[in-house]
Amino acid sequence: MSTSVEYRAYAVFARSQRGGPLYQIGFVEAFSDALAKTYANLTYDEENWFELCVVPLDELRWVIEPQGVSAKGESGRGGAIVEQRAGSAG
């Protein structure tokens, strides 16, 4: 009996203070939403974030799609989603 584990890619978003800008700070891969939250919290713990959230990449709904090469190497998908924070991992 073989069990296949399917990983999903998640975009990680953070806000450092109330009312501040929301940044897309990176990506994680996990096989559940709960693990994605844990991975994001452990991976991007360099700041005391006011808010930190993950969104499955396949559930993002674009209003205006970004142009150019993305993190996945595909044109127009998964690039800088809100703002890419200068010097952040991801």
Foldseek 3Di string as FASTA:
>chain_A
DDDDQDKFKKFKWFAADVPGDIFRQGIDIDRDLVVRVVCQCVVPVPGPTPDMHIDGQVPDDDPDFDADQAPVRDGRGHHGDGHHDPPGDD
